[in-house]
Structures are given as C-alpha cells and as structure tokens.
Amino acid sequence: MARTASRAAIERALAEAGFVLEITGITAVTEDFEIRSWQVQTRQGSRRFQTMLDDWPRHLPGGGLLIRDLAGDLFFIEDPNAMDESSFKLLWAFIG
C-alpha cells in the first residue's frame, strides 16, 4: 500500500514539475492483443505510445489525468473537458 501511495506522490510531483508530455489532442486509440495504442498530439508534437489494456488514465488530485506508457513515460491531460469533441470521445471510454 505504501508503494502505491509513493508512486502516486511521485507521479503528481512529476506532473506538477513539467517532466511529462502534455496531451492536447487524441487522434486515435486502437486495441490489439493485450496492448492499447495511442496516437496523440502533445505540446511537443505528434506522439505514439502504448499501454496495457488494463492500465487506465489516473485522475490526479487537483484535476487532470496521467497516463503511463509501457516505457514508463508519462502523458498528462490537464482538462479532459476542454479537449476537442473528437479527442474527448476517444478518451471518454477510458475515463467514463
């Protein structure tokens, strides 16, 4: 349990410090055997990453979502409700 709390604290600190890629739009999300593939737009440009099917975006205290990919990189969505309609529809299935 302490490990989970520590991990959450680290992820919150990283998100607040800016050591993550901020997602501004979602182009596509596809699923294959045990893997979910994301194609997104970030402030740093277009990116593709993968997560396990049972990994879900984490709600952060104070708002926003955090997604960790298979490589351990973190992707942050500041306000899912502020995303364009298409992006929000793709994301909704994972945060609904």
PDB file of N, CA and C in Angstrom:
ATOM      1  N   MET A   1       0.837  -1.188   0.000  1.00  0.00           N
ATOM      2  CA  MET A   1       0.000   0.000   0.000  1.00  0.00           C
ATOM      3  C   MET A   1       0.875   1.242   0.000  1.00  0.00           C
ATOM      4  N   ALA A   2       1.936   1.266   0.797  1.00  0.00           N
ATOM      5  CA  ALA A   2       2.819   2.437   0.857  1.00  0.00           C
ATOM      6  C   ALA A   2       3.477   2.671  -0.489  1.00  0.00           C
ATOM      7  N   ARG A   3       3.786   1.584  -1.186  1.00  0.00           N
ATOM      8  CA  ARG A   3       4.414   1.719  -2.502  1.00  0.00           C
ATOM      9  C   ARG A   3       3.466   2.417  -3.476  1.00  0.00           C
ATOM     10  N   THR A   4       2.185   2.074  -3.444  1.00  0.00           N
ATOM     11  CA  THR A   4       1.203   2.711  -4.300  1.00  0.00           C
ATOM     12  C   THR A   4       1.082   4.193  -3.972  1.00  0.00           C
ATOM     13  N   ALA A   5       1.058   4.537  -2.704  1.00  0.00           N
ATOM     14  CA  ALA A   5       0.981   5.937  -2.290  1.00  0.00           C
ATOM     15  C   ALA A   5       2.232   6.691  -2.722  1.00  0.00           C
ATOM     16  N   SER A   6       3.396   6.047  -2.593  1.00  0.00           N
ATOM     17  CA  SER A   6       4.645   6.677  -3.014  1.00  0.00           C
ATOM     18  C   SER A   6       4.660   6.905  -4.514  1.00  0.00           C
ATOM     19  N   ARG A   7       4.204   5.915  -5.252  1.00  0.00           N
ATOM     20  CA  ARG A   7       4.156   6.041  -6.709  1.00  0.00           C
ATOM     21  C   ARG A   7       3.234   7.180  -7.111  1.00  0.00           C
ATOM     22  N   ALA A   8       2.069   7.264  -6.488  1.00  0.00           N
ATOM     23  CA  ALA A   8       1.122   8.341  -6.802  1.00  0.00           C
ATOM     24  C   ALA A   8       1.731   9.697  -6.481  1.00  0.00           C
ATOM     25  N   ALA A   9       2.443   9.796  -5.365  1.00  0.00           N
ATOM     26  CA  ALA A   9       3.070  11.064  -4.987  1.00  0.00           C
ATOM     27  C   ALA A   9       4.139  11.464  -6.001  1.00  0.00           C
ATOM     28  N   ILE A  10       4.915  10.505  -6.448  1.00  0.00           N
ATOM     29  CA  ILE A  10       5.947  10.788  -7.451  1.00  0.00           C
ATOM     30  C   ILE A  10       5.321  11.232  -8.754  1.00  0.00           C
ATOM     31  N   GLU A  11       4.265  10.547  -9.197  1.00  0.00           N
ATOM     32  CA  GLU A  11       3.610  10.921 -10.443  1.00  0.00           C
ATOM     33  C   GLU A  11       2.996  12.312 -10.348  1.00  0.00           C
ATOM     34  N   ARG A  12       2.410  12.648  -9.214  1.00  0.00           N
ATOM     35  CA  ARG A  12       1.862  14.007  -9.023  1.00  0.00           C
ATOM     36  C   ARG A  12       2.972  15.045  -9.087  1.00  0.00           C
ATOM     37  N   ALA A  13       4.084  14.756  -8.423  1.00  0.00           N
ATOM     38  CA  ALA A  13       5.207  15.700  -8.416  1.00  0.00           C
ATOM     39  C   ALA A  13       5.775  15.885  -9.816  1.00  0.00           C
ATOM     40  N   LEU A  14       5.907  14.801 -10.568  1.00  0.00           N
ATOM     41  CA  LEU A  14       6.409  14.907 -11.938  1.00  0.00           C
ATOM     42  C   LEU A  14       5.461  15.724 -12.800  1.00  0.00           C
ATOM     43  N   ALA A  15       4.174  15.476 -12.660  1.00  0.00           N
ATOM     44  CA  ALA A  15       3.191  16.217 -13.454  1.00  0.00           C
ATOM     45  C   ALA A  15       3.256  17.703 -13.132  1.00  0.00           C
ATOM     46  N   GLU A  16       3.386  18.028 -11.856  1.00  0.00           N
ATOM     47  CA  GLU A  16       3.444  19.428 -11.452  1.00  0.00           C
ATOM     48  C   GLU A  16       4.753  20.085 -11.874  1.00  0.00           C
ATOM     49  N   ALA A  17       5.835  19.318 -11.919  1.00  0.00           N
ATOM     50  CA  ALA A  17       7.142  19.870 -12.273  1.00  0.00           C
ATOM     51  C   ALA A  17       7.320  20.008 -13.781  1.00  0.00           C
ATOM     52  N   GLY A  18       6.456  19.402 -14.569  1.00  0.00           N
ATOM     53  CA  GLY A  18       6.541  19.534 -16.015  1.00  0.00           C
ATOM     54  C   GLY A  18       7.403  18.498 -16.697  1.00  0.00           C
ATOM     55  N   PHE A  19       7.684  17.370 -16.049  1.00  0.00           N
ATOM     56  CA  PHE A  19       8.504  16.329 -16.644  1.00  0.00           C
ATOM     57  C   PHE A  19       7.657  15.297 -17.384  1.00  0.00           C
ATOM     58  N   VAL A  20       6.589  15.741 -17.962  1.00  0.00           N
ATOM     59  CA  VAL A  20       5.707  14.860 -18.716  1.00  0.00           C
ATOM     60  C   VAL A  20       5.351  15.545 -20.034  1.00  0.00           C
ATOM     61  N   LEU A  21       4.871  14.754 -20.970  1.00  0.00           N
ATOM     62  CA  LEU A  21       4.372  15.299 -22.228  1.00  0.00           C
ATOM     63  C   LEU A  21       2.903  15.634 -22.038  1.00  0.00           C
ATOM     64  N   GLU A  22       2.513  16.833 -22.373  1.00  0.00           N
ATOM     65  CA  GLU A  22       1.120  17.240 -22.205  1.00  0.00           C
ATOM     66  C   GLU A  22       0.337  16.966 -23.481  1.00  0.00           C
ATOM     67  N   ILE A  23      -0.681  16.125 -23.358  1.00  0.00           N
ATOM     68  CA  ILE A  23      -1.541  15.781 -24.492  1.00  0.00           C
ATOM     69  C   ILE A  23      -2.531  16.910 -24.734  1.00  0.00           C
ATOM     70  N   THR A  24      -2.574  17.375 -25.983  1.00  0.00           N
ATOM     71  CA  THR A  24      -3.518  18.429 -26.354  1.00  0.00           C
ATOM     72  C   THR A  24      -4.642  17.885 -27.239  1.00  0.00           C
ATOM     73  N   GLY A  25      -4.455  16.712 -27.811  1.00  0.00           N
ATOM     74  CA  GLY A  25      -5.475  16.094 -28.646  1.00  0.00           C
ATOM     75  C   GLY A  25      -5.187  14.614 -28.822  1.00  0.00           C
ATOM     76  N   ILE A  26      -6.231  13.851 -29.078  1.00  0.00           N
ATOM     77  CA  ILE A  26      -6.092  12.410 -29.312  1.00  0.00           C
ATOM     78  C   ILE A  26      -6.584  12.124 -30.713  1.00  0.00           C
ATOM     79  N   THR A  27      -5.711  11.537 -31.529  1.00  0.00           N
ATOM     80  CA  THR A  27      -6.024  11.243 -32.924  1.00  0.00           C
ATOM     81  C   THR A  27      -6.656   9.863 -33.072  1.00  0.00           C
ATOM     82  N   ALA A  28      -6.129   8.873 -32.337  1.00  0.00           N
ATOM     83  CA  ALA A  28      -6.643   7.506 -32.443  1.00  0.00           C
ATOM     84  C   ALA A  28      -6.241   6.698 -31.222  1.00  0.00           C
ATOM     85  N   VAL A  29      -7.088   5.739 -30.886  1.00  0.00           N
ATOM     86  CA  VAL A  29      -6.780   4.756 -29.847  1.00  0.00           C
ATOM     87  C   VAL A  29      -7.257   3.417 -30.395  1.00  0.00           C
ATOM     88  N   THR A  30      -6.319   2.466 -30.525  1.00  0.00           N
ATOM     89  CA  THR A  30      -6.672   1.147 -31.039  1.00  0.00           C
ATOM     90  C   THR A  30      -6.225   0.092 -30.034  1.00  0.00           C
ATOM     91  N   GLU A  31      -6.888  -1.053 -30.090  1.00  0.00           N
ATOM     92  CA  GLU A  31      -6.552  -2.134 -29.182  1.00  0.00           C
ATOM     93  C   GLU A  31      -6.154  -3.358 -29.975  1.00  0.00           C
ATOM     94  N   ASP A  32      -5.122  -4.003 -29.490  1.00  0.00           N
ATOM     95  CA  ASP A  32      -4.647  -5.247 -30.052  1.00  0.00           C
ATOM     96  C   ASP A  32      -4.423  -6.186 -28.872  1.00  0.00           C
ATOM     97  N   PHE A  33      -3.961  -7.353 -29.099  1.00  0.00           N
ATOM     98  CA  PHE A  33      -3.778  -8.348 -28.057  1.00  0.00           C
ATOM     99  C   PHE A  33      -3.010  -7.773 -26.867  1.00  0.00           C
ATOM    100  N   GLU A  34      -3.713  -7.518 -25.766  1.00  0.00           N
ATOM    101  CA  GLU A  34      -3.141  -7.047 -24.503  1.00  0.00           C
ATOM    102  C   GLU A  34      -2.569  -5.629 -24.537  1.00  0.00           C
ATOM    103  N   ILE A  35      -2.628  -4.941 -25.678  1.00  0.00           N
ATOM    104  CA  ILE A  35      -1.995  -3.628 -25.817  1.00  0.00           C
ATOM    105  C   ILE A  35      -3.001  -2.610 -26.359  1.00  0.00           C
ATOM    106  N   ARG A  36      -2.940  -1.411 -25.816  1.00  0.00           N
ATOM    107  CA  ARG A  36      -3.716  -0.285 -26.344  1.00  0.00           C
ATOM    108  C   ARG A  36      -2.715   0.705 -26.941  1.00  0.00           C
ATOM    109  N   SER A  37      -2.902   1.087 -28.191  1.00  0.00           N
ATOM    110  CA  SER A  37      -2.008   2.025 -28.872  1.00  0.00           C
ATOM    111  C   SER A  37      -2.690   3.378 -28.988  1.00  0.00           C
ATOM    112  N   TRP A  38      -1.968   4.409 -28.579  1.00  0.00           N
ATOM    113  CA  TRP A  38      -2.461   5.772 -28.591  1.00  0.00           C
ATOM    114  C   TRP A  38      -1.703   6.573 -29.639  1.00  0.00           C
ATOM    115  N   GLN A  39      -2.407   7.382 -30.396  1.00  0.00           N
ATOM    116  CA  GLN A  39      -1.790   8.360 -31.277  1.00  0.00           C
ATOM    117  C   GLN A  39      -2.320   9.710 -30.806  1.00  0.00           C
ATOM    118  N   VAL A  40      -1.414  10.575 -30.372  1.00  0.00           N
ATOM    119  CA  VAL A  40      -1.816  11.828 -29.735  1.00  0.00           C
ATOM    120  C   VAL A  40      -1.020  13.009 -30.274  1.00  0.00           C
ATOM    121  N   GLN A  41      -1.551  14.191 -30.008  1.00  0.00           N
ATOM    122  CA  GLN A  41      -0.830  15.436 -30.231  1.00  0.00           C
ATOM    123  C   GLN A  41      -0.430  15.954 -28.860  1.00  0.00           C
ATOM    124  N   THR A  42       0.810  16.384 -28.735  1.00  0.00           N
ATOM    125  CA  THR A  42       1.282  16.977 -27.489  1.00  0.00           C
ATOM    126  C   THR A  42       1.822  18.369 -27.799  1.00  0.00           C
ATOM    127  N   ARG A  43       2.110  19.093 -26.771  1.00  0.00           N
ATOM    128  CA  ARG A  43       2.729  20.411 -26.961  1.00  0.00           C
ATOM    129  C   ARG A  43       4.083  20.276 -27.645  1.00  0.00           C
ATOM    130  N   GLN A  44       4.680  19.082 -27.549  1.00  0.00           N
ATOM    131  CA  GLN A  44       5.984  18.822 -28.150  1.00  0.00           C
ATOM    132  C   GLN A  44       5.873  18.181 -29.541  1.00  0.00           C
ATOM    133  N   GLY A  45       4.658  17.965 -30.028  1.00  0.00           N
ATOM    134  CA  GLY A  45       4.452  17.362 -31.349  1.00  0.00           C
ATOM    135  C   GLY A  45       3.673  16.061 -31.275  1.00  0.00           C
ATOM    136  N   SER A  46       3.548  15.401 -32.406  1.00  0.00           N
ATOM    137  CA  SER A  46       2.798  14.149 -32.522  1.00  0.00           C
ATOM    138  C   SER A  46       3.577  13.017 -31.856  1.00  0.00           C
ATOM    139  N   ARG A  47       2.864  12.164 -31.138  1.00  0.00           N
ATOM    140  CA  ARG A  47       3.489  11.032 -30.445  1.00  0.00           C
ATOM    141  C   ARG A  47       2.594   9.804 -30.568  1.00  0.00           C
ATOM    142  N   ARG A  48       3.242   8.655 -30.489  1.00  0.00           N
ATOM    143  CA  ARG A  48       2.547   7.365 -30.394  1.00  0.00           C
ATOM    144  C   ARG A  48       3.113   6.660 -29.168  1.00  0.00           C
ATOM    145  N   PHE A  49       2.227   6.014 -28.418  1.00  0.00           N
ATOM    146  CA  PHE A  49       2.687   5.233 -27.278  1.00  0.00           C
ATOM    147  C   PHE A  49       1.703   4.109 -27.023  1.00  0.00           C
ATOM    148  N   GLN A  50       2.118   3.162 -26.181  1.00  0.00           N
ATOM    149  CA  GLN A  50       1.285   2.001 -25.878  1.00  0.00           C
ATOM    150  C   GLN A  50       1.139   1.835 -24.377  1.00  0.00           C
ATOM    151  N   THR A  51      -0.040   1.324 -23.992  1.00  0.00           N
ATOM    152  CA  THR A  51      -0.311   0.954 -22.609  1.00  0.00           C
ATOM    153  C   THR A  51      -0.893  -0.453 -22.605  1.00  0.00           C
ATOM    154  N   MET A  52      -0.846  -1.094 -21.465  1.00  0.00           N
ATOM    155  CA  MET A  52      -1.509  -2.388 -21.321  1.00  0.00           C
ATOM    156  C   MET A  52      -3.020  -2.134 -21.311  1.00  0.00           C
ATOM    157  N   LEU A  53      -3.795  -3.120 -21.746  1.00  0.00           N
ATOM    158  CA  LEU A  53      -5.248  -2.956 -21.778  1.00  0.00           C
ATOM    159  C   LEU A  53      -5.837  -2.671 -20.400  1.00  0.00           C
ATOM    160  N   ASP A  54      -5.212  -3.192 -19.351  1.00  0.00           N
ATOM    161  CA  ASP A  54      -5.766  -2.979 -18.016  1.00  0.00           C
ATOM    162  C   ASP A  54      -5.183  -1.751 -17.306  1.00  0.00           C
ATOM    163  N   ASP A  55      -4.368  -0.958 -18.005  1.00  0.00           N
ATOM    164  CA  ASP A  55      -3.875   0.313 -17.466  1.00  0.00           C
ATOM    165  C   ASP A  55      -4.803   1.430 -17.909  1.00  0.00           C
ATOM    166  N   TRP A  56      -5.265   2.212 -16.954  1.00  0.00           N
ATOM    167  CA  TRP A  56      -6.232   3.271 -17.227  1.00  0.00           C
ATOM    168  C   TRP A  56      -5.638   4.618 -16.854  1.00  0.00           C
ATOM    169  N   PRO A  57      -6.088   5.685 -17.487  1.00  0.00           N
ATOM    170  CA  PRO A  57      -5.638   7.012 -17.070  1.00  0.00           C
ATOM    171  C   PRO A  57      -5.964   7.231 -15.594  1.00  0.00           C
ATOM    172  N   ARG A  58      -5.043   7.855 -14.875  1.00  0.00           N
ATOM    173  CA  ARG A  58      -5.236   8.119 -13.441  1.00  0.00           C
ATOM    174  C   ARG A  58      -5.709   9.546 -13.244  1.00  0.00           C
ATOM    175  N   HIS A  59      -6.727   9.686 -12.430  1.00  0.00           N
ATOM    176  CA  HIS A  59      -7.207  11.019 -12.063  1.00  0.00           C
ATOM    177  C   HIS A  59      -6.253  11.580 -11.017  1.00  0.00           C
ATOM    178  N   LEU A  60      -5.812  12.804 -11.236  1.00  0.00           N
ATOM    179  CA  LEU A  60      -4.910  13.451 -10.296  1.00  0.00           C
ATOM    180  C   LEU A  60      -5.682  14.352  -9.349  1.00  0.00           C
ATOM    181  N   PRO A  61      -5.242  14.429  -8.096  1.00  0.00           N
ATOM    182  CA  PRO A  61      -5.866  15.387  -7.187  1.00  0.00           C
ATOM    183  C   PRO A  61      -5.645  16.785  -7.768  1.00  0.00           C
ATOM    184  N   GLY A  62      -6.627  17.596  -7.750  1.00  0.00           N
ATOM    185  CA  GLY A  62      -6.489  18.926  -8.333  1.00  0.00           C
ATOM    186  C   GLY A  62      -6.842  18.960  -9.805  1.00  0.00           C
ATOM    187  N   GLY A  63      -7.229  17.810 -10.348  1.00  0.00           N
ATOM    188  CA  GLY A  63      -7.667  17.757 -11.741  1.00  0.00           C
ATOM    189  C   GLY A  63      -6.624  17.183 -12.681  1.00  0.00           C
ATOM    190  N   GLY A  64      -7.076  16.843 -13.850  1.00  0.00           N
ATOM    191  CA  GLY A  64      -6.196  16.291 -14.871  1.00  0.00           C
ATOM    192  C   GLY A  64      -6.108  14.779 -14.806  1.00  0.00           C
ATOM    193  N   LEU A  65      -5.498  14.246 -15.849  1.00  0.00           N
ATOM    194  CA  LEU A  65      -5.298  12.808 -15.966  1.00  0.00           C
ATOM    195  C   LEU A  65      -3.836  12.533 -16.272  1.00  0.00           C
ATOM    196  N   LEU A  66      -3.355  11.396 -15.820  1.00  0.00           N
ATOM    197  CA  LEU A  66      -1.994  10.984 -16.086  1.00  0.00           C
ATOM    198  C   LEU A  66      -2.025   9.587 -16.686  1.00  0.00           C
ATOM    199  N   ILE A  67      -1.310   9.418 -17.787  1.00  0.00           N
ATOM    200  CA  ILE A  67      -1.226   8.115 -18.455  1.00  0.00           C
ATOM    201  C   ILE A  67       0.239   7.725 -18.491  1.00  0.00           C
ATOM    202  N   ARG A  68       0.536   6.496 -18.060  1.00  0.00           N
ATOM    203  CA  ARG A  68       1.905   5.996 -18.130  1.00  0.00           C
ATOM    204  C   ARG A  68       1.980   4.940 -19.230  1.00  0.00           C
ATOM    205  N   ASP A  69       2.939   5.089 -20.148  1.00  0.00           N
ATOM    206  CA  ASP A  69       3.053   4.131 -21.237  1.00  0.00           C
ATOM    207  C   ASP A  69       3.931   2.947 -20.830  1.00  0.00           C
ATOM    208  N   LEU A  70       4.086   1.991 -21.744  1.00  0.00           N
ATOM    209  CA  LEU A  70       4.859   0.786 -21.456  1.00  0.00           C
ATOM    210  C   LEU A  70       6.319   1.079 -21.136  1.00  0.00           C
ATOM    211  N   ALA A  71       6.857   2.175 -21.678  1.00  0.00           N
ATOM    212  CA  ALA A  71       8.250   2.547 -21.437  1.00  0.00           C
ATOM    213  C   ALA A  71       8.422   3.331 -20.137  1.00  0.00           C
ATOM    214  N   GLY A  72       7.307   3.659 -19.472  1.00  0.00           N
ATOM    215  CA  GLY A  72       7.369   4.412 -18.233  1.00  0.00           C
ATOM    216  C   GLY A  72       7.249   5.915 -18.428  1.00  0.00           C
ATOM    217  N   ASP A  73       7.091   6.369 -19.671  1.00  0.00           N
ATOM    218  CA  ASP A  73       6.907   7.797 -19.921  1.00  0.00           C
ATOM    219  C   ASP A  73       5.518   8.219 -19.460  1.00  0.00           C
ATOM    220  N   LEU A  74       5.406   9.470 -19.027  1.00  0.00           N
ATOM    221  CA  LEU A  74       4.146   9.985 -18.519  1.00  0.00           C
ATOM    222  C   LEU A  74       3.553  11.001 -19.482  1.00  0.00           C
ATOM    223  N   PHE A  75       2.251  10.904 -19.666  1.00  0.00           N
ATOM    224  CA  PHE A  75       1.493  11.817 -20.520  1.00  0.00           C
ATOM    225  C   PHE A  75       0.386  12.419 -19.669  1.00  0.00           C
ATOM    226  N   PHE A  76       0.244  13.732 -19.729  1.00  0.00           N
ATOM    227  CA  PHE A  76      -0.676  14.468 -18.874  1.00  0.00           C
ATOM    228  C   PHE A  76      -1.753  15.141 -19.717  1.00  0.00           C
ATOM    229  N   ILE A  77      -2.995  15.042 -19.261  1.00  0.00           N
ATOM    230  CA  ILE A  77      -4.110  15.776 -19.863  1.00  0.00           C
ATOM    231  C   ILE A  77      -4.616  16.716 -18.778  1.00  0.00           C
ATOM    232  N   GLU A  78      -4.413  18.010 -18.997  1.00  0.00           N
ATOM    233  CA  GLU A  78      -4.749  18.988 -17.968  1.00  0.00           C
ATOM    234  C   GLU A  78      -6.248  19.041 -17.680  1.00  0.00           C
ATOM    235  N   ASP A  79      -7.060  19.130 -18.732  1.00  0.00           N
ATOM    236  CA  ASP A  79      -8.510  19.227 -18.561  1.00  0.00           C
ATOM    237  C   ASP A  79      -9.200  18.455 -19.683  1.00  0.00           C
ATOM    238  N   PRO A  80      -9.583  17.209 -19.425  1.00  0.00           N
ATOM    239  CA  PRO A  80     -10.233  16.407 -20.469  1.00  0.00           C
ATOM    240  C   PRO A  80     -11.458  17.094 -21.068  1.00  0.00           C
ATOM    241  N   ASN A  81     -12.208  17.834 -20.261  1.00  0.00           N
ATOM    242  CA  ASN A  81     -13.416  18.504 -20.750  1.00  0.00           C
ATOM    243  C   ASN A  81     -13.121  19.644 -21.719  1.00  0.00           C
ATOM    244  N   ALA A  82     -11.889  20.137 -21.721  1.00  0.00           N
ATOM    245  CA  ALA A  82     -11.513  21.229 -22.613  1.00  0.00           C
ATOM    246  C   ALA A  82     -10.999  20.729 -23.966  1.00  0.00           C
ATOM    247  N   MET A  83     -10.883  19.406 -24.116  1.00  0.00           N
ATOM    248  CA  MET A  83     -10.388  18.847 -25.382  1.00  0.00           C
ATOM    249  C   MET A  83     -11.446  18.994 -26.464  1.00  0.00           C
ATOM    250  N   ASP A  84     -10.991  18.936 -27.724  1.00  0.00           N
ATOM    251  CA  ASP A  84     -11.949  18.982 -28.825  1.00  0.00           C
ATOM    252  C   ASP A  84     -12.863  17.755 -28.744  1.00  0.00           C
ATOM    253  N   GLU A  85     -14.013  17.843 -29.380  1.00  0.00           N
ATOM    254  CA  GLU A  85     -15.044  16.806 -29.260  1.00  0.00           C
ATOM    255  C   GLU A  85     -14.542  15.423 -29.655  1.00  0.00           C
ATOM    256  N   SER A  86     -13.811  15.331 -30.751  1.00  0.00           N
ATOM    257  CA  SER A  86     -13.299  14.045 -31.221  1.00  0.00           C
ATOM    258  C   SER A  86     -12.342  13.424 -30.202  1.00  0.00           C
ATOM    259  N   SER A  87     -11.433  14.232 -29.668  1.00  0.00           N
ATOM    260  CA  SER A  87     -10.477  13.747 -28.666  1.00  0.00           C
ATOM    261  C   SER A  87     -11.201  13.289 -27.409  1.00  0.00           C
ATOM    262  N   PHE A  88     -12.175  14.074 -26.972  1.00  0.00           N
ATOM    263  CA  PHE A  88     -12.903  13.730 -25.759  1.00  0.00           C
ATOM    264  C   PHE A  88     -13.675  12.419 -25.935  1.00  0.00           C
ATOM    265  N   LYS A  89     -14.268  12.209 -27.111  1.00  0.00           N
ATOM    266  CA  LYS A  89     -14.995  10.958 -27.360  1.00  0.00           C
ATOM    267  C   LYS A  89     -14.062   9.758 -27.280  1.00  0.00           C
ATOM    268  N   LEU A  90     -12.847   9.886 -27.833  1.00  0.00           N
ATOM    269  CA  LEU A  90     -11.881   8.781 -27.764  1.00  0.00           C
ATOM    270  C   LEU A  90     -11.443   8.523 -26.327  1.00  0.00           C
ATOM    271  N   LEU A  91     -11.289   9.581 -25.566  1.00  0.00           N
ATOM    272  CA  LEU A  91     -10.844   9.453 -24.177  1.00  0.00           C
ATOM    273  C   LEU A  91     -11.954   8.971 -23.254  1.00  0.00           C
ATOM    274  N   TRP A  92     -13.174   9.350 -23.535  1.00  0.00           N
ATOM    275  CA  TRP A  92     -14.315   9.056 -22.650  1.00  0.00           C
ATOM    276  C   TRP A  92     -14.418   7.578 -22.288  1.00  0.00           C
ATOM    277  N   ALA A  93     -14.142   6.698 -23.239  1.00  0.00           N
ATOM    278  CA  ALA A  93     -14.245   5.258 -22.986  1.00  0.00           C
ATOM    279  C   ALA A  93     -13.324   4.803 -21.849  1.00  0.00           C
ATOM    280  N   PHE A  94     -12.273   5.571 -21.585  1.00  0.00           N
ATOM    281  CA  PHE A  94     -11.283   5.171 -20.589  1.00  0.00           C
ATOM    282  C   PHE A  94     -11.407   5.922 -19.279  1.00  0.00           C
ATOM    283  N   ILE A  95     -12.273   6.945 -19.249  1.00  0.00           N
ATOM    284  CA  ILE A  95     -12.426   7.700 -18.004  1.00  0.00           C
ATOM    285  C   ILE A  95     -13.879   7.766 -17.543  1.00  0.00           C
ATOM    286  N   GLY A  96     -14.804   7.309 -18.412  1.00  0.00           N
ATOM    287  CA  GLY A  96     -16.230   7.400 -18.162  1.00  0.00           C
ATOM    288  C   GLY A  96     -16.654   6.900 -16.861  1.00  0.00           C
TER     289      GLY A  96
END
